[in-house]
Structures are given as C-alpha cells and as structure tokens.
C-alpha cells in the first residue's frame, strides 16, 4: 500500500509539473476502481467506459486541488462517486423512471442455475441501490471490491469501528429490503434481520 502511495505521489507531482504523460500511470492503476464505482451506482454497462473517461478528465483538470497528505485513491474515489451520482441523476431526468433497467431487460438465455444466480445478483444490486450511501459504500468496498475492513476505513477516512458498524447495519438493512421485496429468493433473511 505504501509503495502504491509513493508512486501515486510521484506521478501526481510529475503531472502538476507539466508531464501530462505521467497521468497515464494513474489511469492504468485506477481505471478498474473507477469502473467499479460506476457499476455500483447502477450505471449501465455500455455507459461505464464513457463515465470512466469523464472521471479521469475531471481528475486531470482538478489535480491541483488534490492534497498529497491524503491517499490519491481516496480523492479519486470520492471524485468518481460524486460524478457517478450526478450521472445517474441526469440520466433519470432525461429518461424518466419508467424505463426498465437494462439488466432485467436482457433477453440472453442462460442455464437455469446460472439464471438463478444472475437474477439474485441483479436483485441484490437493486437492493444495494436502496440503501443509504454510508451503508452501500462500505458493503460495496468489502464484499464487491474485496477490501478488508482496515483498507475500507483508510479509503473512506473513517475509524475501523465505524466501518464495522456500518457493515453490520448495512447487511441487516439489505436483508430486510431483499426479504420484503423478494421473499421467494431471500425470505430467510427477513427472519435473521
């Protein structure tokens, strides 16, 4: 983690000193994280590449606002989250809320077992989108991105105890949402939550 941070600091310094090519190193290191943030906010697959590009353009233009005493990844993560939220809001205004989500409209057939897993994944993702941001964020980082609690805490600049509490409350809230909306798949969660 320390090596990554040192490399990020070096690259941001080079970009700020006029070496725009150094920004490519930051892009290649973090494009997957930015794409994951876009996916988490429900941005359709065919729009994610554009959103990732927009986030990095915004990062490049605002790099002078980055404060090196904080990890670059934290700054970029917040920038990506804010951009994704704005993108989703604009999309809802343009399309309205009546359009069927793309994941549900996909007619591609799959094996019955795969369909069950895919369907449950879509339902969990929809449930995540109903959670408060503070819970959705930690659940995503730990269970989708695979970070441990300490890494998530550093990225979000929160105490470890706060992240643990949000994980517990987020799991409970997600279980209630899923059990209420989809008892045929998640009915047992409602008993535990």
C-alpha atoms as a PDB file:
ATOM      1  CA  UNK A   1       0.000   0.000   0.000  1.00  0.00           C
ATOM      2  CA  UNK A   2       2.883   2.353   0.888  1.00  0.00           C
ATOM      3  CA  UNK A   3       4.604   1.686  -2.462  1.00  0.00           C
ATOM      4  CA  UNK A   4       1.367   2.497  -4.306  1.00  0.00           C
ATOM      5  CA  UNK A   5       1.022   5.740  -2.368  1.00  0.00           C
ATOM      6  CA  UNK A   6       4.630   6.764  -3.088  1.00  0.00           C
ATOM      7  CA  UNK A   7       4.167   6.021  -6.777  1.00  0.00           C
ATOM      8  CA  UNK A   8       0.892   8.000  -6.832  1.00  0.00           C
ATOM      9  CA  UNK A   9       2.615  10.961  -5.193  1.00  0.00           C
ATOM     10  CA  UNK A  10       5.449  10.837  -7.722  1.00  0.00           C
ATOM     11  CA  UNK A  11       3.053  10.633 -10.681  1.00  0.00           C
ATOM     12  CA  UNK A  12       0.797  13.449  -9.456  1.00  0.00           C
ATOM     13  CA  UNK A  13       3.844  15.658  -8.858  1.00  0.00           C
ATOM     14  CA  UNK A  14       5.092  14.931 -12.416  1.00  0.00           C
ATOM     15  CA  UNK A  15       1.688  15.790 -13.914  1.00  0.00           C
ATOM     16  CA  UNK A  16       1.486  19.025 -11.933  1.00  0.00           C
ATOM     17  CA  UNK A  17       4.995  19.913 -13.145  1.00  0.00           C
ATOM     18  CA  UNK A  18       3.850  19.588 -16.765  1.00  0.00           C
ATOM     19  CA  UNK A  19       4.426  15.917 -17.653  1.00  0.00           C
ATOM     20  CA  UNK A  20       0.914  15.063 -18.843  1.00  0.00           C
ATOM     21  CA  UNK A  21       2.069  11.582 -19.944  1.00  0.00           C
ATOM     22  CA  UNK A  22       2.592  10.635 -16.282  1.00  0.00           C
ATOM     23  CA  UNK A  23      -1.168  10.789 -15.829  1.00  0.00           C
ATOM     24  CA  UNK A  24      -1.419   7.551 -17.828  1.00  0.00           C
ATOM     25  CA  UNK A  25       0.149   5.696 -14.897  1.00  0.00           C
ATOM     26  CA  UNK A  26      -2.609   6.901 -12.601  1.00  0.00           C
ATOM     27  CA  UNK A  27      -5.262   5.969 -15.145  1.00  0.00           C
ATOM     28  CA  UNK A  28      -3.946   2.440 -15.578  1.00  0.00           C
ATOM     29  CA  UNK A  29      -3.717   1.972 -11.794  1.00  0.00           C
ATOM     30  CA  UNK A  30      -7.226   3.179 -11.012  1.00  0.00           C
ATOM     31  CA  UNK A  31      -9.452   2.715 -14.052  1.00  0.00           C
ATOM     32  CA  UNK A  32     -10.829  -0.547 -12.666  1.00  0.00           C
ATOM     33  CA  UNK A  33     -11.705   1.125  -9.335  1.00  0.00           C
ATOM     34  CA  UNK A  34     -13.481   3.964 -11.151  1.00  0.00           C
ATOM     35  CA  UNK A  35     -15.396   1.486 -13.322  1.00  0.00           C
ATOM     36  CA  UNK A  36     -16.435  -0.391 -10.176  1.00  0.00           C
ATOM     37  CA  UNK A  37     -17.739   2.802  -8.637  1.00  0.00           C
ATOM     38  CA  UNK A  38     -19.774   3.495 -11.784  1.00  0.00           C
ATOM     39  CA  UNK A  39     -21.182  -0.041 -11.750  1.00  0.00           C
ATOM     40  CA  UNK A  40     -22.084   0.248  -8.062  1.00  0.00           C
ATOM     41  CA  UNK A  41     -24.183   3.311  -8.762  1.00  0.00           C
ATOM     42  CA  UNK A  42     -26.142   1.413 -11.395  1.00  0.00           C
ATOM     43  CA  UNK A  43     -24.669   2.990 -14.493  1.00  0.00           C
ATOM     44  CA  UNK A  44     -25.471   0.744 -17.470  1.00  0.00           C
ATOM     45  CA  UNK A  45     -22.567  -1.349 -18.771  1.00  0.00           C
ATOM     46  CA  UNK A  46     -22.481   0.406 -22.142  1.00  0.00           C
ATOM     47  CA  UNK A  47     -22.035   3.797 -20.420  1.00  0.00           C
ATOM     48  CA  UNK A  48     -19.323   2.828 -17.925  1.00  0.00           C
ATOM     49  CA  UNK A  49     -16.394   3.390 -20.280  1.00  0.00           C
ATOM     50  CA  UNK A  50     -17.608   6.931 -21.017  1.00  0.00           C
ATOM     51  CA  UNK A  51     -18.109   7.650 -17.316  1.00  0.00           C
ATOM     52  CA  UNK A  52     -14.604   6.380 -16.512  1.00  0.00           C
ATOM     53  CA  UNK A  53     -13.184   8.703 -19.183  1.00  0.00           C
ATOM     54  CA  UNK A  54     -15.184  11.633 -17.822  1.00  0.00           C
ATOM     55  CA  UNK A  55     -13.940  10.975 -14.277  1.00  0.00           C
ATOM     56  CA  UNK A  56     -10.306  10.918 -15.381  1.00  0.00           C
ATOM     57  CA  UNK A  57     -10.745  14.097 -17.421  1.00  0.00           C
ATOM     58  CA  UNK A  58     -12.230  15.737 -14.341  1.00  0.00           C
ATOM     59  CA  UNK A  59      -9.380  14.351 -12.192  1.00  0.00           C
ATOM     60  CA  UNK A  60      -6.767  15.701 -14.607  1.00  0.00           C
ATOM     61  CA  UNK A  61      -8.354  19.148 -14.700  1.00  0.00           C
ATOM     62  CA  UNK A  62      -8.700  19.269 -10.902  1.00  0.00           C
ATOM     63  CA  UNK A  63      -5.438  17.614  -9.918  1.00  0.00           C
ATOM     64  CA  UNK A  64      -4.223  20.926  -8.493  1.00  0.00           C
ATOM     65  CA  UNK A  65      -6.924  20.516  -5.796  1.00  0.00           C
ATOM     66  CA  UNK A  66      -5.598  17.143  -4.667  1.00  0.00           C
ATOM     67  CA  UNK A  67      -3.862  17.285  -1.286  1.00  0.00           C
ATOM     68  CA  UNK A  68      -0.871  14.895  -1.072  1.00  0.00           C
ATOM     69  CA  UNK A  69      -1.343  14.332   2.677  1.00  0.00           C
ATOM     70  CA  UNK A  70      -4.290  12.087   1.732  1.00  0.00           C
ATOM     71  CA  UNK A  71      -4.102   8.980  -0.474  1.00  0.00           C
ATOM     72  CA  UNK A  72      -4.729   9.690  -4.142  1.00  0.00           C
ATOM     73  CA  UNK A  73      -7.077   6.691  -4.242  1.00  0.00           C
ATOM     74  CA  UNK A  74      -9.352   8.313  -1.634  1.00  0.00           C
ATOM     75  CA  UNK A  75      -9.503  11.580  -3.545  1.00  0.00           C
ATOM     76  CA  UNK A  76     -10.213   9.795  -6.834  1.00  0.00           C
ATOM     77  CA  UNK A  77     -12.801   7.510  -5.228  1.00  0.00           C
ATOM     78  CA  UNK A  78     -14.769  10.487  -3.919  1.00  0.00           C
ATOM     79  CA  UNK A  79     -14.481  12.264  -7.262  1.00  0.00           C
ATOM     80  CA  UNK A  80     -15.753   9.130  -9.059  1.00  0.00           C
ATOM     81  CA  UNK A  81     -18.623   8.678  -6.586  1.00  0.00           C
ATOM     82  CA  UNK A  82     -19.773  12.265  -6.970  1.00  0.00           C
ATOM     83  CA  UNK A  83     -19.542  12.052 -10.755  1.00  0.00           C
ATOM     84  CA  UNK A  84     -21.487   8.773 -10.825  1.00  0.00           C
ATOM     85  CA  UNK A  85     -24.219  10.244  -8.634  1.00  0.00           C
ATOM     86  CA  UNK A  86     -24.506  13.256 -10.943  1.00  0.00           C
ATOM     87  CA  UNK A  87     -24.570  10.983 -13.995  1.00  0.00           C
ATOM     88  CA  UNK A  88     -27.382   8.864 -12.559  1.00  0.00           C
ATOM     89  CA  UNK A  89     -29.408  11.953 -11.625  1.00  0.00           C
ATOM     90  CA  UNK A  90     -29.039  13.372 -15.125  1.00  0.00           C
ATOM     91  CA  UNK A  91     -29.992  10.039 -16.665  1.00  0.00           C
ATOM     92  CA  UNK A  92     -33.133   9.801 -14.517  1.00  0.00           C
ATOM     93  CA  UNK A  93     -34.183  13.287 -15.555  1.00  0.00           C
ATOM     94  CA  UNK A  94     -33.604  12.509 -19.233  1.00  0.00           C
ATOM     95  CA  UNK A  95     -35.165   9.035 -19.336  1.00  0.00           C
ATOM     96  CA  UNK A  96     -37.641   9.167 -16.511  1.00  0.00           C
ATOM     97  CA  UNK A  97     -38.029   6.382 -14.003  1.00  0.00           C
ATOM     98  CA  UNK A  98     -40.387   4.189 -16.005  1.00  0.00           C
ATOM     99  CA  UNK A  99     -37.726   2.631 -18.223  1.00  0.00           C
ATOM    100  CA  UNK A 100     -36.918  -0.985 -17.410  1.00  0.00           C
ATOM    101  CA  UNK A 101     -33.405  -1.452 -16.039  1.00  0.00           C
ATOM    102  CA  UNK A 102     -31.145  -2.922 -18.670  1.00  0.00           C
ATOM    103  CA  UNK A 103     -30.158  -5.890 -16.519  1.00  0.00           C
ATOM    104  CA  UNK A 104     -33.783  -7.007 -16.329  1.00  0.00           C
ATOM    105  CA  UNK A 105     -34.464  -6.360 -19.996  1.00  0.00           C
ATOM    106  CA  UNK A 106     -31.599  -8.571 -21.203  1.00  0.00           C
ATOM    107  CA  UNK A 107     -33.185 -11.452 -23.150  1.00  0.00           C
ATOM    108  CA  UNK A 108     -29.987 -13.525 -23.295  1.00  0.00           C
ATOM    109  CA  UNK A 109     -30.807 -17.079 -22.198  1.00  0.00           C
ATOM    110  CA  UNK A 110     -28.604 -18.765 -19.588  1.00  0.00           C
ATOM    111  CA  UNK A 111     -28.521 -22.140 -17.910  1.00  0.00           C
ATOM    112  CA  UNK A 112     -31.241 -22.430 -15.243  1.00  0.00           C
ATOM    113  CA  UNK A 113     -28.727 -22.468 -12.415  1.00  0.00           C
ATOM    114  CA  UNK A 114     -26.901 -19.503 -13.892  1.00  0.00           C
ATOM    115  CA  UNK A 115     -30.190 -17.664 -14.353  1.00  0.00           C
ATOM    116  CA  UNK A 116     -30.972 -18.097 -10.660  1.00  0.00           C
ATOM    117  CA  UNK A 117     -27.555 -16.746  -9.673  1.00  0.00           C
ATOM    118  CA  UNK A 118     -27.753 -13.894 -12.182  1.00  0.00           C
ATOM    119  CA  UNK A 119     -31.262 -12.992 -11.062  1.00  0.00           C
ATOM    120  CA  UNK A 120     -30.237 -12.966  -7.404  1.00  0.00           C
ATOM    121  CA  UNK A 121     -27.210 -10.786  -8.244  1.00  0.00           C
ATOM    122  CA  UNK A 122     -29.447  -8.254 -10.004  1.00  0.00           C
ATOM    123  CA  UNK A 123     -31.852  -8.247  -7.055  1.00  0.00           C
ATOM    124  CA  UNK A 124     -29.007  -7.743  -4.580  1.00  0.00           C
ATOM    125  CA  UNK A 125     -27.663  -4.875  -6.697  1.00  0.00           C
ATOM    126  CA  UNK A 126     -31.108  -3.253  -6.763  1.00  0.00           C
ATOM    127  CA  UNK A 127     -31.335  -3.693  -3.004  1.00  0.00           C
ATOM    128  CA  UNK A 128     -27.926  -2.083  -2.563  1.00  0.00           C
ATOM    129  CA  UNK A 129     -29.141   0.930  -4.514  1.00  0.00           C
ATOM    130  CA  UNK A 130     -31.941   1.403  -1.954  1.00  0.00           C
ATOM    131  CA  UNK A 131     -29.541   1.558   0.988  1.00  0.00           C
ATOM    132  CA  UNK A 132     -28.289   4.791   2.454  1.00  0.00           C
ATOM    133  CA  UNK A 133     -24.997   5.806   0.865  1.00  0.00           C
ATOM    134  CA  UNK A 134     -22.961   5.234   4.026  1.00  0.00           C
ATOM    135  CA  UNK A 135     -24.041   1.568   4.152  1.00  0.00           C
ATOM    136  CA  UNK A 136     -23.893   0.920   0.408  1.00  0.00           C
ATOM    137  CA  UNK A 137     -20.377   2.308   0.250  1.00  0.00           C
ATOM    138  CA  UNK A 138     -18.886   0.011   2.903  1.00  0.00           C
ATOM    139  CA  UNK A 139     -20.768  -3.083   1.687  1.00  0.00           C
ATOM    140  CA  UNK A 140     -19.513  -2.466  -1.819  1.00  0.00           C
ATOM    141  CA  UNK A 141     -15.900  -1.937  -0.786  1.00  0.00           C
ATOM    142  CA  UNK A 142     -15.755  -5.016   1.433  1.00  0.00           C
ATOM    143  CA  UNK A 143     -17.953  -7.506  -0.432  1.00  0.00           C
ATOM    144  CA  UNK A 144     -17.580  -6.429  -4.068  1.00  0.00           C
ATOM    145  CA  UNK A 145     -14.125  -4.857  -4.147  1.00  0.00           C
ATOM    146  CA  UNK A 146     -12.753  -7.356  -1.637  1.00  0.00           C
ATOM    147  CA  UNK A 147     -11.095  -4.842   0.683  1.00  0.00           C
ATOM    148  CA  UNK A 148     -10.675  -5.738   4.320  1.00  0.00           C
ATOM    149  CA  UNK A 149     -12.235  -3.515   6.980  1.00  0.00           C
ATOM    150  CA  UNK A 150      -8.976  -1.637   7.629  1.00  0.00           C
ATOM    151  CA  UNK A 151      -8.454  -0.869   3.935  1.00  0.00           C
ATOM    152  CA  UNK A 152     -12.056   0.327   3.568  1.00  0.00           C
ATOM    153  CA  UNK A 153     -11.640   2.511   6.654  1.00  0.00           C
ATOM    154  CA  UNK A 154      -8.477   4.119   5.228  1.00  0.00           C
ATOM    155  CA  UNK A 155     -10.095   4.681   1.841  1.00  0.00           C
ATOM    156  CA  UNK A 156     -13.159   6.310   3.392  1.00  0.00           C
ATOM    157  CA  UNK A 157     -11.114   8.088   6.061  1.00  0.00           C
ATOM    158  CA  UNK A 158     -13.276   6.582   8.817  1.00  0.00           C
ATOM    159  CA  UNK A 159     -12.430   4.771  12.056  1.00  0.00           C
ATOM    160  CA  UNK A 160     -12.388   0.978  11.726  1.00  0.00           C
ATOM    161  CA  UNK A 161     -15.174   0.683  14.307  1.00  0.00           C
ATOM    162  CA  UNK A 162     -17.416   2.926  12.212  1.00  0.00           C
ATOM    163  CA  UNK A 163     -16.848   0.755   9.145  1.00  0.00           C
ATOM    164  CA  UNK A 164     -17.660  -2.404  11.142  1.00  0.00           C
ATOM    165  CA  UNK A 165     -20.857  -0.828  12.475  1.00  0.00           C
ATOM    166  CA  UNK A 166     -21.910   0.289   9.004  1.00  0.00           C
ATOM    167  CA  UNK A 167     -21.223  -3.188   7.627  1.00  0.00           C
ATOM    168  CA  UNK A 168     -23.396  -4.779  10.295  1.00  0.00           C
ATOM    169  CA  UNK A 169     -26.228  -2.269   9.885  1.00  0.00           C
ATOM    170  CA  UNK A 170     -25.936  -2.330   6.092  1.00  0.00           C
ATOM    171  CA  UNK A 171     -26.175  -6.141   5.950  1.00  0.00           C
ATOM    172  CA  UNK A 172     -29.204  -6.054   8.223  1.00  0.00           C
ATOM    173  CA  UNK A 173     -30.915  -3.315   6.189  1.00  0.00           C
ATOM    174  CA  UNK A 174     -30.129  -5.067   2.899  1.00  0.00           C
ATOM    175  CA  UNK A 175     -31.509  -8.343   4.278  1.00  0.00           C
ATOM    176  CA  UNK A 176     -34.772  -6.637   5.214  1.00  0.00           C
ATOM    177  CA  UNK A 177     -35.084  -4.978   1.807  1.00  0.00           C
ATOM    178  CA  UNK A 178     -34.430  -8.228  -0.051  1.00  0.00           C
ATOM    179  CA  UNK A 179     -36.719 -10.326   2.148  1.00  0.00           C
ATOM    180  CA  UNK A 180     -39.548  -7.801   1.807  1.00  0.00           C
ATOM    181  CA  UNK A 181     -39.252  -7.332  -1.962  1.00  0.00           C
ATOM    182  CA  UNK A 182     -38.265 -10.857  -2.967  1.00  0.00           C
ATOM    183  CA  UNK A 183     -39.346 -13.388  -0.328  1.00  0.00           C
ATOM    184  CA  UNK A 184     -39.140 -16.229  -2.861  1.00  0.00           C
ATOM    185  CA  UNK A 185     -35.358 -15.730  -3.050  1.00  0.00           C
ATOM    186  CA  UNK A 186     -34.463 -14.125   0.269  1.00  0.00           C
ATOM    187  CA  UNK A 187     -37.276 -14.990   2.688  1.00  0.00           C
ATOM    188  CA  UNK A 188     -34.894 -16.450   5.281  1.00  0.00           C
ATOM    189  CA  UNK A 189     -33.044 -13.114   5.502  1.00  0.00           C
ATOM    190  CA  UNK A 190     -36.130 -11.435   6.887  1.00  0.00           C
ATOM    191  CA  UNK A 191     -36.085 -13.799   9.863  1.00  0.00           C
ATOM    192  CA  UNK A 192     -32.466 -13.008  10.683  1.00  0.00           C
ATOM    193  CA  UNK A 193     -32.610  -9.288  10.080  1.00  0.00           C
END
